[in-house]
């Protein structure tokens, strides 16, 4: 399993207002998409999310998004190390993901860029 990087997850009240700041900070344009009623903007290492509080409450429980080369391999490694796989692997607009709870209780999303 190879970890490629991590993305900071930030819940914001007004996505349109937040995007210009993070585009300036990251030095690039936002990639926008919607998932499950939540509006999302990926900008560099930041993942901005805005939507209904009921959805954001769940999303706030995930500490970070970790990019990996292969979610299936990551699933095997995490399970072998004693992590609880909460969801996935499943396809997303950006690739595949899974959500795992580590033995210490921390929850992370793992993503790859495969179709």
Protein backbone atom coordinates (compact mmCIF):
# COMPACT_ATOMS: atom_id res chain seq x y z
CA UNK A 1 0.00 0.00 0.00
CA UNK A 2 1.43 3.37 -1.00
CA UNK A 3 0.14 6.62 0.53
CA UNK A 4 0.38 9.46 -1.99
CA UNK A 5 -0.78 12.33 0.21
CA UNK A 6 -3.55 13.65 2.42
CA UNK A 7 -6.37 16.12 1.95
CA UNK A 8 -7.71 18.35 4.70
CA UNK A 9 -11.51 18.24 4.99
CA UNK A 10 -13.13 21.59 5.74
CA UNK A 11 -16.87 22.19 6.22
CA UNK A 12 -17.89 25.72 5.21
CA UNK A 13 -21.18 27.62 5.37
CA UNK A 14 -20.80 29.30 1.96
CA UNK A 15 -18.82 27.33 -0.62
CA UNK A 16 -18.90 30.09 -3.26
CA UNK A 17 -17.46 32.57 -0.77
CA UNK A 18 -14.77 30.17 0.50
CA UNK A 19 -13.47 28.98 -2.88
CA UNK A 20 -11.56 32.14 -3.96
CA UNK A 21 -9.51 32.17 -0.74
CA UNK A 22 -8.48 28.52 -1.10
CA UNK A 23 -7.80 28.89 -4.83
CA UNK A 24 -5.42 31.74 -3.96
CA UNK A 25 -3.84 29.73 -1.15
CA UNK A 26 -3.40 26.55 -3.20
CA UNK A 27 -2.54 28.34 -6.43
CA UNK A 28 -5.06 26.55 -8.63
CA UNK A 29 -8.71 26.27 -9.60
CA UNK A 30 -11.38 24.36 -7.69
CA UNK A 31 -12.78 21.13 -9.05
CA UNK A 32 -16.44 21.11 -8.03
CA UNK A 33 -18.88 18.24 -7.71
CA UNK A 34 -21.91 17.21 -5.69
CA UNK A 35 -22.30 14.04 -3.67
CA UNK A 36 -25.29 13.05 -1.58
CA UNK A 37 -26.65 16.58 -1.31
CA UNK A 38 -23.27 18.05 -0.32
CA UNK A 39 -21.51 20.52 -2.59
CA UNK A 40 -17.77 19.83 -2.75
CA UNK A 41 -14.76 21.76 -4.04
CA UNK A 42 -11.35 20.09 -4.27
CA UNK A 43 -8.55 22.67 -4.31
CA UNK A 44 -4.99 21.45 -3.91
CA UNK A 45 -4.80 19.67 -0.56
CA UNK A 46 -8.13 21.12 0.63
CA UNK A 47 -11.57 19.54 0.31
CA UNK A 48 -14.28 22.10 1.03
CA UNK A 49 -17.77 20.78 1.78
CA UNK A 50 -21.06 22.62 2.21
CA UNK A 51 -24.58 21.30 2.62
CA UNK A 52 -27.27 20.21 5.04
CA UNK A 53 -26.09 20.02 8.65
CA UNK A 54 -27.31 16.41 8.91
CA UNK A 55 -24.86 15.44 6.14
CA UNK A 56 -21.99 17.60 7.40
CA UNK A 57 -22.33 16.11 10.89
CA UNK A 58 -21.39 12.72 9.44
CA UNK A 59 -18.61 14.15 7.25
CA UNK A 60 -16.98 15.92 10.21
CA UNK A 61 -16.29 12.54 11.81
CA UNK A 62 -13.74 11.74 9.08
CA UNK A 63 -10.40 13.27 10.09
CA UNK A 64 -8.80 13.42 6.62
CA UNK A 65 -8.83 11.94 3.14
CA UNK A 66 -5.75 9.88 2.28
CA UNK A 67 -4.81 9.29 -1.37
CA UNK A 68 -3.50 5.80 -2.12
CA UNK A 69 -2.48 3.97 -5.27
CA UNK A 70 -5.05 1.16 -4.88
CA UNK A 71 -8.08 1.10 -2.56
CA UNK A 72 -8.45 -2.69 -2.85
CA UNK A 73 -4.89 -3.21 -1.61
CA UNK A 74 -5.47 -0.60 1.11
CA UNK A 75 -8.58 -2.52 2.19
CA UNK A 76 -6.51 -5.68 2.64
CA UNK A 77 -3.75 -3.88 4.55
CA UNK A 78 -6.13 -2.01 6.86
CA UNK A 79 -8.18 -5.13 7.63
CA UNK A 80 -4.98 -7.09 8.30
CA UNK A 81 -3.85 -4.43 10.76
CA UNK A 82 -7.16 -4.51 12.65
CA UNK A 83 -8.98 -1.51 11.18
CA UNK A 84 -12.77 -1.61 10.95
CA UNK A 85 -13.89 -1.01 7.36
CA UNK A 86 -17.02 1.13 7.74
CA UNK A 87 -17.86 1.58 4.04
CA UNK A 88 -16.50 0.59 0.66
CA UNK A 89 -14.63 0.24 -1.46
CA UNK A 90 -17.16 2.06 -3.67
CA UNK A 91 -16.88 4.21 -6.82
CA UNK A 92 -17.00 8.02 -6.43
CA UNK A 93 -16.84 10.93 -8.90
CA UNK A 94 -13.05 11.02 -8.38
CA UNK A 95 -12.20 7.30 -8.23
CA UNK A 96 -12.87 4.71 -5.51
CA UNK A 97 -12.96 5.15 -1.77
CA UNK A 98 -13.40 3.40 1.54
CA UNK A 99 -13.94 4.65 5.06
CA UNK A 100 -12.03 2.95 7.87
CA UNK A 101 -11.87 3.30 11.64
CA UNK A 102 -8.36 2.72 12.93
CA UNK A 103 -7.89 0.75 16.18
CA UNK A 104 -7.34 4.07 18.03
CA UNK A 105 -10.81 5.25 16.94
CA UNK A 106 -9.72 7.76 14.27
CA UNK A 107 -11.79 7.62 11.07
CA UNK A 108 -10.24 8.24 7.64
CA UNK A 109 -11.34 8.15 4.03
CA UNK A 110 -8.96 6.41 1.61
CA UNK A 111 -9.26 7.23 -2.12
CA UNK A 112 -7.61 6.23 -5.37
CA UNK A 113 -8.03 7.74 -8.82
CA UNK A 114 -9.02 4.57 -10.68
CA UNK A 115 -12.15 4.62 -12.84
